[in-house]
Amino acid sequence: MKTPYRLRMAVWAGTAMLAACGGGGGGGEVPAPPPPVPEETRAQDSRTFTPADPTATTFAAMAGVTQGTHRWAGVLNGAAYRIEVPATGWNGRLVMYAHGFRGEGSTLTVSNPSIRRYLIENGYAWAASSYSTNYYDVRAGVEDTNALALAFNAIAAANGQVLPAPTRLYITGHSMGGHITGAAIEDEAYATARNKVRYHGAVPMCGVMGDVELFNRFAGMQVTAQALAGVPSYPTDKWSEIQGLVTSTLFTTFPTAPTAQGVKYLSVVKHLTGGERPMFNEGIAFGGSFPSAYGTFGSDGSVTGILNRNVLDTNALSYLIDGDPAGTTALNAAAIKLTAAPDANRLRRDGLRWIPVIHGEFTIPVVSIHTLGDLFVPFSMQQVYQQRAAAKGNSNWLVQRAIRGASHCDFTVAEQVKAFSDMVAWEQGGPKPAGDDVVTPATVGASSYGCTFTDNTLGVDDGAPVPALRAGIAMNPANTCPP
């Protein structure tokens, strides 16, 4: 049986203390411990990144907001940051915002939170980091976001504002930032992070709540595509050599016009991404997020140099073709199985794992939202999150909401504000807010699923493509929610 993480840390600490005190029995001098073995380096460690504007000291005020604010920008430990605090009437609460994946360029940029207007108008301060790196570096995202939270008062004082320490720290983020949000509140992160922060509540949005399981699902999409196209055993890291053949076998127009084999393939994708549910068809037809998932095929399993060894593992995946038991059996037999290196994402001696893991070990209010048509960070991430939290006995701290969006992170601002405000009311002593059952197939597959928390009301901050996507959904009368 695997020793629990906290027990392992306690045993390690106790052993170290015993040695330091000359314990261990037998008397005599305790030999000095060997010097620590340096942690290995990765491709990510040799990359350099630079803030887009390292000399910035402020940023633009938000149009249409009457509340004056202090706005500070700068660079902290190589990461650009922005902080905004109400000039009067600050409620004492600080919201940390974690942005999503920024690609593989060398320029670091900061994002304002999508609910900025709500935060300002309701007395919240907020802060956001660019992180000190790009790529899928969740470790840097957690550390740099935490470091900024810890530096909040010092930065305010350096700008002439002596403020009390925040009474509450909340964290929210989109996509990779959802992963950062979920990881930052975990027991493991608090135990191992260099910058330790205890948050009081969290709102991950469209987040990678299954951490490396997302990459396993991408790998499952690839090996089944190869199998259904007739090249099941072709080396998966040589995808570029067969991509044209596979795509043309499965689609006449990718991804909206599947062939007969492609129909089977999309059935497999549906079940890998969350099962039978509303908005899957819209996600393929016009949501636009599936090509991003397809674009990950051919990975060597290192997550583009964040790791040194393969983390992809499809052994736990099973594939389903609707209405075709024989085809399902044949596909599961034919699809190549990928196995991760056992130490690819191990615990480290120098802080967080390279890809921080979300175990479901948290004891603060969490309200998580996800669009049903998302095929890049799919709805199945919420199912994994629920299962892990339940396995740790922590599902009472988790509320999840399905949103009838057709793409990745295409929430209305109203939906995001509602999730955040409900989380805060809960954290402040109110009742646990309502949510959706994300794991019962009959519930998730119902035609009205996701209607409860979908709010198509558009406001001044709802930029493209959300209005167009919601309009596209509304064109199908079958998508109308009951009054």
Protein backbone atom coordinates (compact mmCIF):
# COMPACT_ATOMS: atom_id res chain seq x y z
CA MET A 1 0.00 0.00 0.00
CA LYS A 2 1.37 3.44 -0.91
CA THR A 3 2.38 5.55 2.08
CA PRO A 4 0.31 8.80 2.25
CA TYR A 5 2.24 11.87 1.14
CA ARG A 6 2.01 13.73 4.44
CA LEU A 7 3.15 10.66 6.38
CA ARG A 8 6.13 10.26 4.07
CA MET A 9 7.09 13.90 4.65
CA ALA A 10 6.72 13.45 8.43
CA VAL A 11 8.90 10.34 8.40
CA TRP A 12 11.53 12.13 6.34
CA ALA A 13 11.50 15.14 8.68
CA GLY A 14 11.67 12.93 11.77
CA THR A 15 14.61 10.99 10.37
CA ALA A 16 16.46 14.20 9.54
CA MET A 17 15.84 15.59 13.05
CA LEU A 18 17.00 12.35 14.67
CA ALA A 19 20.26 12.47 12.73
CA ALA A 20 20.75 16.16 13.55
CA CYS A 21 20.33 15.43 17.27
CA GLY A 22 22.82 12.55 17.22
CA GLY A 23 20.10 9.93 17.63
CA GLY A 24 19.75 6.57 16.03
CA GLY A 25 21.20 4.38 18.79
CA GLY A 26 24.62 2.82 19.18
CA GLY A 27 26.26 5.98 20.51
CA GLY A 28 29.25 7.60 18.93
CA GLU A 29 29.45 10.18 16.25
CA VAL A 30 26.79 10.23 13.54
CA PRO A 31 28.39 10.47 10.11
CA ALA A 32 27.58 13.60 8.13
CA PRO A 33 24.86 13.03 5.54
CA PRO A 34 26.00 12.96 1.93
CA PRO A 35 25.55 16.20 -0.01
CA PRO A 36 22.20 16.44 -1.75
CA VAL A 37 22.07 15.11 -5.27
CA PRO A 38 21.34 17.97 -7.66
CA GLU A 39 17.96 17.80 -9.33
CA GLU A 40 18.14 17.01 -13.02
CA THR A 41 17.69 19.77 -15.56
CA ARG A 42 15.19 19.84 -18.41
CA ALA A 43 14.81 21.59 -21.72
CA GLN A 44 12.56 24.13 -19.96
CA ASP A 45 15.44 25.14 -17.69
CA SER A 46 17.53 26.41 -20.61
CA ARG A 47 14.81 28.65 -22.06
CA THR A 48 14.76 32.39 -21.45
CA PHE A 49 11.74 34.64 -21.13
CA THR A 50 11.30 38.40 -20.91
CA PRO A 51 8.31 40.52 -19.82
CA ALA A 52 6.71 42.38 -22.72
CA ASP A 53 7.16 45.72 -20.94
CA PRO A 54 9.66 45.37 -18.09
CA THR A 55 9.54 49.11 -17.35
CA ALA A 56 5.76 49.33 -16.83
CA THR A 57 4.68 50.78 -13.48
CA THR A 58 0.93 51.00 -14.10
CA PHE A 59 -1.77 50.00 -16.59
CA ALA A 60 -4.99 51.42 -18.01
CA ALA A 61 -8.05 52.04 -15.88
CA MET A 62 -11.20 50.13 -16.76
CA ALA A 63 -13.68 52.12 -18.84
CA GLY A 64 -17.05 52.83 -17.28
CA VAL A 65 -16.05 52.20 -13.67
CA THR A 66 -16.64 55.09 -11.28
CA GLN A 67 -14.63 53.55 -8.44
CA GLY A 68 -11.09 54.93 -8.48
CA THR A 69 -8.26 52.44 -8.08
CA HIS A 70 -4.57 52.18 -7.45
CA ARG A 71 -2.96 50.26 -10.31
CA TRP A 72 0.60 49.00 -10.02
CA ALA A 73 2.69 47.06 -12.52
CA GLY A 74 6.19 45.71 -12.27
CA VAL A 75 8.40 42.64 -12.36
CA LEU A 76 8.83 40.19 -9.49
CA ASN A 77 11.36 37.37 -9.76
CA GLY A 78 11.30 37.60 -13.55
CA ALA A 79 7.50 37.62 -13.79
CA ALA A 80 5.52 40.69 -14.79
CA TYR A 81 2.57 41.56 -12.57
CA ARG A 82 -0.44 43.81 -12.23
CA ILE A 83 -2.21 44.75 -9.00
CA GLU A 84 -5.39 46.80 -8.64
CA VAL A 85 -6.79 48.02 -5.32
CA PRO A 86 -9.84 50.25 -4.77
CA ALA A 87 -8.69 53.75 -3.78
CA THR A 88 -11.44 53.78 -1.15
CA GLY A 89 -13.60 51.08 0.35
CA TRP A 90 -11.30 48.09 -0.12
CA ASN A 91 -13.07 45.12 1.49
CA GLY A 92 -9.79 43.58 2.66
CA ARG A 93 -9.98 40.64 0.24
CA LEU A 94 -7.38 39.85 -2.43
CA VAL A 95 -8.17 37.78 -5.53
CA MET A 96 -5.28 36.14 -7.36
CA TYR A 97 -5.92 35.54 -11.07
CA ALA A 98 -4.07 32.79 -13.00
CA HIS A 99 -4.06 33.10 -16.80
CA GLY A 100 -4.11 30.24 -19.29
CA PHE A 101 -1.51 28.72 -21.63
CA ARG A 102 0.55 31.36 -23.42
CA GLY A 103 2.23 29.16 -26.00
CA GLU A 104 5.96 28.68 -26.49
CA GLY A 105 7.19 32.18 -27.20
CA SER A 106 9.74 34.07 -25.10
CA THR A 107 7.58 37.10 -24.27
CA LEU A 108 5.69 37.15 -20.97
CA THR A 109 2.33 38.91 -20.74
CA VAL A 110 -0.18 39.59 -17.96
CA SER A 111 -3.97 39.24 -18.23
CA ASN A 112 -6.60 41.13 -16.28
CA PRO A 113 -9.29 38.90 -14.76
CA SER A 114 -12.45 38.56 -16.86
CA ILE A 115 -14.51 39.57 -13.81
CA ARG A 116 -12.40 42.69 -13.20
CA ARG A 117 -15.39 45.04 -13.34
CA TYR A 118 -17.26 43.01 -10.72
CA LEU A 119 -14.20 42.90 -8.46
CA ILE A 120 -13.59 46.65 -8.62
CA GLU A 121 -17.24 47.57 -8.13
CA ASN A 122 -17.51 45.26 -5.11
CA GLY A 123 -14.41 46.40 -3.29
CA TYR A 124 -11.98 43.57 -4.07
CA ALA A 125 -8.28 43.96 -4.81
CA TRP A 126 -6.84 41.65 -7.44
CA ALA A 127 -3.38 40.67 -8.65
CA ALA A 128 -2.14 38.69 -11.65
CA SER A 129 1.26 37.35 -12.68
CA SER A 130 2.61 36.66 -16.16
CA TYR A 131 4.61 33.80 -14.56
CA SER A 132 8.34 33.75 -15.16
CA THR A 133 8.06 31.23 -18.02
CA ASN A 134 5.77 30.22 -20.85
CA TYR A 135 5.05 26.66 -22.08
CA TYR A 136 2.84 24.40 -19.92
CA ASP A 137 4.73 25.34 -16.76
CA VAL A 138 2.14 24.99 -13.99
CA ARG A 139 4.91 24.79 -11.40
CA ALA A 140 6.04 28.30 -12.32
CA GLY A 141 2.43 29.46 -12.39
CA VAL A 142 1.77 28.32 -8.82
CA GLU A 143 5.05 29.64 -7.45
CA ASP A 144 4.86 33.03 -9.14
CA THR A 145 1.20 33.55 -8.28
CA ASN A 146 1.90 32.66 -4.66
CA ALA A 147 5.00 34.90 -4.59
CA LEU A 148 2.93 37.82 -5.81
CA ALA A 149 0.28 37.21 -3.15
CA LEU A 150 3.00 37.20 -0.49
CA ALA A 151 4.52 40.44 -1.88
CA PHE A 152 1.19 42.31 -2.08
CA ASN A 153 1.72 44.49 0.99
CA ALA A 154 5.36 45.25 0.19
CA ILE A 155 4.44 46.33 -3.34
CA ALA A 156 1.64 48.53 -2.00
CA ALA A 157 4.02 50.14 0.51
CA ALA A 158 6.62 50.75 -2.20
CA ASN A 159 3.89 52.64 -4.07
CA GLY A 160 3.00 54.78 -1.08
CA GLN A 161 0.04 52.77 0.21
CA VAL A 162 0.42 51.11 3.60
CA LEU A 163 -2.34 48.50 3.67
CA PRO A 164 -3.35 45.89 6.21
CA ALA A 165 -2.71 42.29 5.28
CA PRO A 166 -5.60 40.82 3.28
CA THR A 167 -8.24 39.18 5.44
CA ARG A 168 -9.05 36.69 2.69
CA LEU A 169 -7.08 35.28 -0.23
CA TYR A 170 -9.02 33.79 -3.14
CA ILE A 171 -7.69 32.30 -6.38
CA THR A 172 -9.30 31.85 -9.77
CA GLY A 173 -8.07 31.07 -13.27
CA HIS A 174 -8.87 29.79 -16.75
CA SER A 175 -7.63 26.65 -18.53
CA MET A 176 -3.98 26.11 -17.49
CA GLY A 177 -4.80 28.77 -14.91
CA GLY A 178 -7.54 26.45 -13.67
CA HIS A 179 -4.87 23.80 -13.19
CA ILE A 180 -2.77 26.36 -11.32
CA THR A 181 -5.80 27.25 -9.20
CA GLY A 182 -6.58 23.62 -8.38
CA ALA A 183 -2.95 22.76 -7.64
CA ALA A 184 -2.33 25.84 -5.48
CA ILE A 185 -4.99 24.82 -2.95
CA GLU A 186 -3.75 21.22 -2.56
CA ASP A 187 -2.07 19.92 0.59
CA GLU A 188 0.89 18.76 -1.48
CA ALA A 189 1.46 22.23 -2.90
CA TYR A 190 1.41 23.82 0.53
CA ALA A 191 3.90 21.23 1.81
CA THR A 192 6.33 21.47 -1.09
CA ALA A 193 6.03 24.94 -2.66
CA ARG A 194 8.81 27.43 -2.05
CA ASN A 195 6.19 30.18 -1.77
CA LYS A 196 3.51 28.90 0.62
CA VAL A 197 0.04 30.44 0.60
CA ARG A 198 -3.16 29.29 2.28
CA TYR A 199 -6.11 30.30 0.13
CA HIS A 200 -9.63 30.63 1.52
CA GLY A 201 -11.60 29.78 -1.63
CA ALA A 202 -11.12 28.98 -5.32
CA VAL A 203 -12.91 29.18 -8.67
CA PRO A 204 -11.17 27.15 -11.39
CA MET A 205 -12.76 27.72 -14.80
CA CYS A 206 -12.41 25.39 -17.81
CA GLY A 207 -9.46 24.02 -15.87
CA VAL A 208 -7.13 21.07 -16.40
CA MET A 209 -8.43 19.55 -13.18
CA GLY A 210 -7.08 16.10 -14.02
CA ASP A 211 -3.50 17.40 -14.45
CA VAL A 212 -1.54 14.88 -16.60
CA GLU A 213 -4.72 12.89 -17.29
CA LEU A 214 -5.46 15.53 -19.95
CA PHE A 215 -2.39 14.41 -21.89
CA ASN A 216 -3.47 10.78 -21.52
CA ARG A 217 -6.81 11.66 -23.12
CA PHE A 218 -5.02 13.39 -25.99
CA ALA A 219 -2.91 10.25 -26.44
CA GLY A 220 -6.09 8.14 -26.41
CA MET A 221 -7.52 10.31 -29.17
CA GLN A 222 -4.38 9.71 -31.24
CA VAL A 223 -4.03 5.96 -30.83
CA THR A 224 -7.71 5.41 -31.66
CA ALA A 225 -7.46 7.67 -34.71
CA GLN A 226 -4.53 5.58 -35.92
CA ALA A 227 -6.34 2.31 -35.25
CA LEU A 228 -9.53 3.36 -37.04
CA ALA A 229 -7.46 4.62 -39.97
CA GLY A 230 -5.69 1.28 -40.30
CA VAL A 231 -2.26 2.16 -38.89
CA PRO A 232 -2.64 1.15 -35.24
CA SER A 233 0.98 0.23 -34.51
CA TYR A 234 2.74 3.12 -36.21
CA PRO A 235 5.05 4.87 -33.70
CA THR A 236 2.98 7.57 -32.04
CA ASP A 237 5.87 10.05 -31.94
CA LYS A 238 6.08 9.89 -35.75
CA TRP A 239 2.56 11.25 -36.17
CA SER A 240 3.64 13.79 -38.79
CA GLU A 241 4.42 10.94 -41.20
CA ILE A 242 0.87 9.56 -41.13
CA GLN A 243 -1.23 12.59 -40.17
CA GLY A 244 -2.42 13.19 -43.72
CA LEU A 245 -3.42 9.56 -44.21
CA VAL A 246 -5.25 9.33 -40.88
CA THR A 247 -7.07 12.63 -41.31
CA SER A 248 -8.22 11.89 -44.86
CA THR A 249 -9.39 8.42 -43.81
CA LEU A 250 -11.52 9.83 -41.01
CA PHE A 251 -12.72 13.13 -42.52
CA THR A 252 -13.58 14.57 -45.90
CA THR A 253 -13.45 17.98 -44.21
CA PHE A 254 -11.75 18.10 -40.82
CA PRO A 255 -13.41 17.98 -38.33
CA THR A 256 -16.93 18.77 -39.47
CA ALA A 257 -17.48 16.16 -42.22
CA PRO A 258 -16.52 12.68 -40.99
CA THR A 259 -16.36 9.58 -43.14
CA ALA A 260 -17.99 6.35 -41.91
CA GLN A 261 -14.81 5.61 -39.97
CA GLY A 262 -14.76 9.19 -38.78
CA VAL A 263 -18.26 8.85 -37.31
CA LYS A 264 -16.92 5.97 -35.23
CA TYR A 265 -13.93 8.06 -34.25
CA LEU A 266 -16.03 11.01 -33.09
CA SER A 267 -18.03 8.60 -30.96
CA VAL A 268 -14.78 7.57 -29.29
CA VAL A 269 -13.80 11.23 -28.80
CA LYS A 270 -17.19 11.98 -27.24
CA HIS A 271 -16.71 9.32 -24.60
CA LEU A 272 -13.08 10.30 -23.92
CA THR A 273 -14.17 13.90 -23.32
CA GLY A 274 -17.10 13.36 -20.96
CA GLY A 275 -19.61 10.98 -22.50
CA GLU A 276 -23.02 11.56 -24.01
CA ARG A 277 -23.95 15.17 -23.30
CA PRO A 278 -25.42 18.31 -24.85
CA MET A 279 -23.09 20.55 -26.87
CA PHE A 280 -20.70 17.83 -28.03
CA ASN A 281 -22.05 18.04 -31.59
CA GLU A 282 -21.89 21.84 -31.48
CA GLY A 283 -18.32 21.59 -30.24
CA ILE A 284 -17.41 19.63 -33.37
CA ALA A 285 -19.59 21.60 -35.78
CA PHE A 286 -18.52 25.13 -34.90
CA GLY A 287 -16.94 25.27 -31.45
CA GLY A 288 -13.44 25.17 -32.88
CA SER A 289 -11.62 23.59 -29.92
CA PHE A 290 -11.11 20.06 -31.24
CA PRO A 291 -8.37 21.04 -33.74
CA SER A 292 -6.34 22.23 -30.74
CA ALA A 293 -6.56 18.78 -29.17
CA TYR A 294 -5.73 17.15 -32.52
CA GLY A 295 -2.72 19.45 -32.75
CA THR A 296 -1.16 17.83 -29.69
CA PHE A 297 -0.76 14.45 -31.40
CA GLY A 298 2.77 13.15 -31.87
CA SER A 299 4.01 14.13 -28.42
CA ASP A 300 7.05 12.41 -26.95
CA GLY A 301 5.35 12.59 -23.57
CA SER A 302 7.63 15.26 -22.11
CA VAL A 303 4.98 18.01 -22.44
CA THR A 304 7.37 19.94 -24.70
CA GLY A 305 10.30 19.78 -22.33
CA ILE A 306 8.55 20.38 -19.00
CA LEU A 307 9.48 16.77 -18.17
CA ASN A 308 12.46 14.66 -19.16
CA ARG A 309 10.58 11.39 -19.60
CA ASN A 310 7.31 10.17 -21.05
CA VAL A 311 4.26 10.85 -18.88
CA LEU A 312 1.68 9.49 -21.33
CA ASP A 313 -0.23 6.43 -20.20
CA THR A 314 -3.30 4.98 -21.91
CA ASN A 315 -3.50 1.68 -20.02
CA ALA A 316 -6.48 2.80 -17.93
CA LEU A 317 -8.46 4.06 -20.93
CA SER A 318 -11.19 2.07 -22.62
CA TYR A 319 -12.80 3.17 -25.86
CA LEU A 320 -16.44 3.05 -26.91
CA ILE A 321 -18.10 3.24 -30.34
CA ASP A 322 -21.83 3.85 -29.97
CA GLY A 323 -23.99 0.99 -31.23
CA ASP A 324 -21.04 -1.15 -32.33
CA PRO A 325 -20.00 -3.71 -29.69
CA ALA A 326 -17.86 -5.69 -32.12
CA GLY A 327 -16.12 -2.58 -33.37
CA THR A 328 -15.56 -1.44 -29.80
CA THR A 329 -13.91 -4.74 -28.91
CA ALA A 330 -11.73 -4.65 -32.00
CA LEU A 331 -10.68 -1.07 -31.36
CA ASN A 332 -9.68 -1.73 -27.77
CA ALA A 333 -7.62 -4.69 -28.92
CA ALA A 334 -5.94 -2.80 -31.76
CA ALA A 335 -5.17 0.58 -30.20
CA ILE A 336 -1.56 0.74 -29.03
CA LYS A 337 -1.02 1.08 -25.28
CA LEU A 338 1.32 3.77 -24.03
CA THR A 339 2.99 3.41 -20.62
CA ALA A 340 4.46 6.30 -18.64
CA ALA A 341 7.92 6.22 -17.13
CA PRO A 342 7.20 5.65 -13.42
CA ASP A 343 9.27 8.65 -12.29
CA ALA A 344 8.33 11.05 -15.09
CA ASN A 345 6.52 13.45 -12.74
CA ARG A 346 7.87 12.40 -9.36
CA LEU A 347 8.02 14.41 -6.15
CA ARG A 348 11.07 16.66 -6.07
CA ARG A 349 13.51 17.87 -3.44
CA ASP A 350 13.52 21.44 -4.75
CA GLY A 351 9.84 22.33 -4.50
CA LEU A 352 6.74 21.42 -6.43
CA ARG A 353 6.55 18.65 -8.99
CA TRP A 354 7.33 19.82 -12.50
CA ILE A 355 3.63 19.30 -13.26
CA PRO A 356 1.80 19.81 -9.95
CA VAL A 357 -0.81 17.15 -9.27
CA ILE A 358 -4.41 17.68 -8.16
CA HIS A 359 -5.11 14.85 -5.73
CA GLY A 360 -8.41 16.21 -4.38
CA GLU A 361 -6.78 17.09 -1.04
CA PHE A 362 -8.28 20.49 -0.20
CA THR A 363 -10.59 21.76 2.55
CA ILE A 364 -11.77 25.15 1.30
CA PRO A 365 -14.83 26.07 -0.80
CA VAL A 366 -14.31 25.43 -4.51
CA VAL A 367 -16.80 26.30 -7.25
CA SER A 368 -15.65 24.96 -10.62
CA ILE A 369 -17.30 25.70 -13.98
CA HIS A 370 -16.79 24.07 -17.37
CA THR A 371 -18.37 24.30 -20.82
CA LEU A 372 -19.85 21.10 -22.23
CA GLY A 373 -18.62 21.63 -25.80
CA ASP A 374 -14.98 22.10 -24.79
CA LEU A 375 -12.89 19.48 -26.61
CA PHE A 376 -9.46 20.93 -25.83
CA VAL A 377 -9.72 20.86 -22.03
CA PRO A 378 -12.77 18.62 -22.03
CA PHE A 379 -15.59 18.21 -19.54
CA SER A 380 -14.07 14.87 -18.49
CA MET A 381 -11.57 16.92 -16.45
CA GLN A 382 -14.43 17.77 -14.11
CA GLN A 383 -15.33 14.10 -13.80
CA VAL A 384 -11.76 13.22 -12.86
CA TYR A 385 -11.73 16.07 -10.32
CA GLN A 386 -14.93 14.88 -8.70
CA GLN A 387 -13.70 11.30 -8.50
CA ARG A 388 -10.41 12.32 -6.91
CA ALA A 389 -12.05 14.66 -4.39
CA ALA A 390 -14.56 11.96 -3.46
CA ALA A 391 -11.80 9.38 -3.02
CA LYS A 392 -10.14 11.72 -0.50
CA GLY A 393 -13.44 12.41 1.28
CA ASN A 394 -13.48 16.05 0.17
CA SER A 395 -16.38 16.24 -2.30
CA ASN A 396 -18.33 18.26 0.30
CA TRP A 397 -15.93 21.12 -0.49
CA LEU A 398 -16.53 20.95 -4.25
CA VAL A 399 -19.35 22.46 -6.31
CA GLN A 400 -19.24 21.91 -10.09
CA ARG A 401 -21.35 23.55 -12.76
CA ALA A 402 -21.88 22.60 -16.40
CA ILE A 403 -22.29 25.49 -18.83
CA ARG A 404 -23.85 25.08 -22.28
CA GLY A 405 -20.97 26.59 -24.22
CA ALA A 406 -19.64 25.17 -27.49
CA SER A 407 -15.93 25.84 -27.12
CA HIS A 408 -13.05 26.24 -24.68
CA CYS A 409 -13.67 28.71 -21.83
CA ASP A 410 -16.52 30.45 -23.69
CA PHE A 411 -18.35 31.56 -20.56
CA THR A 412 -20.37 34.71 -20.27
CA VAL A 413 -19.08 37.13 -17.65
CA ALA A 414 -22.39 36.64 -15.83
CA GLU A 415 -21.66 32.91 -15.41
CA GLN A 416 -18.21 33.62 -14.03
CA VAL A 417 -19.42 36.31 -11.63
CA LYS A 418 -22.12 33.99 -10.32
CA ALA A 419 -19.59 31.23 -9.62
CA PHE A 420 -17.24 33.63 -7.83
CA SER A 421 -19.91 35.40 -5.78
CA ASP A 422 -21.47 32.08 -4.74
CA MET A 423 -18.07 30.78 -3.66
CA VAL A 424 -17.46 33.87 -1.51
CA ALA A 425 -20.91 33.72 0.08
CA TRP A 426 -20.25 30.08 0.94
CA GLU A 427 -16.78 30.82 2.30
CA GLN A 428 -18.23 33.63 4.42
CA GLY A 429 -20.55 31.23 6.20
CA GLY A 430 -23.49 30.88 3.84
CA PRO A 431 -24.94 27.56 2.69
CA LYS A 432 -23.12 25.41 0.16
CA PRO A 433 -24.30 26.60 -3.28
CA ALA A 434 -26.01 24.35 -5.78
CA GLY A 435 -24.12 22.53 -8.49
CA ASP A 436 -24.42 19.81 -11.11
CA ASP A 437 -23.85 16.07 -10.88
CA VAL A 438 -20.98 15.59 -13.34
CA VAL A 439 -20.50 11.83 -13.10
CA THR A 440 -23.89 10.10 -13.53
CA PRO A 441 -24.24 9.26 -17.25
CA ALA A 442 -28.04 9.50 -17.35
CA THR A 443 -27.90 12.97 -15.77
CA VAL A 444 -25.08 14.28 -17.95
CA GLY A 445 -26.72 12.83 -21.08
CA ALA A 446 -30.09 14.52 -20.54
CA SER A 447 -31.05 17.08 -23.19
CA SER A 448 -31.51 19.79 -20.54
CA TYR A 449 -28.18 19.17 -18.80
CA GLY A 450 -26.28 22.38 -18.16
CA CYS A 451 -29.36 24.61 -18.30
CA THR A 452 -29.39 25.41 -14.57
CA PHE A 453 -26.22 27.51 -14.51
CA THR A 454 -26.07 28.72 -18.11
CA ASP A 455 -26.74 32.47 -18.33
CA ASN A 456 -26.77 33.83 -21.87
CA THR A 457 -27.07 37.43 -20.67
CA LEU A 458 -24.36 39.43 -22.43
CA GLY A 459 -22.69 42.49 -20.95
CA VAL A 460 -20.18 45.12 -21.94
CA ASP A 461 -17.21 42.82 -21.18
CA ASP A 462 -18.42 39.82 -23.21
CA GLY A 463 -16.10 40.03 -26.18
CA ALA A 464 -15.81 37.73 -29.18
CA PRO A 465 -16.34 34.88 -29.69
CA VAL A 466 -18.88 34.29 -26.90
CA PRO A 467 -21.85 36.16 -28.46
CA ALA A 468 -21.40 34.39 -31.81
CA LEU A 469 -21.03 30.97 -30.19
CA ARG A 470 -24.13 31.42 -28.04
CA ALA A 471 -26.05 32.61 -31.09
CA GLY A 472 -24.94 29.49 -32.97
CA ILE A 473 -26.20 27.28 -30.16
CA ALA A 474 -29.56 29.08 -30.11
CA MET A 475 -30.10 28.43 -33.83
CA ASN A 476 -30.99 24.83 -33.00
CA PRO A 477 -34.42 24.75 -31.28
CA ALA A 478 -33.43 21.49 -29.56
CA ASN A 479 -30.93 23.50 -27.52
CA THR A 480 -33.61 25.68 -25.91
CA CYS A 481 -33.64 25.23 -22.16
CA PRO A 482 -36.98 24.84 -20.39
CA PRO A 483 -38.31 28.07 -18.88
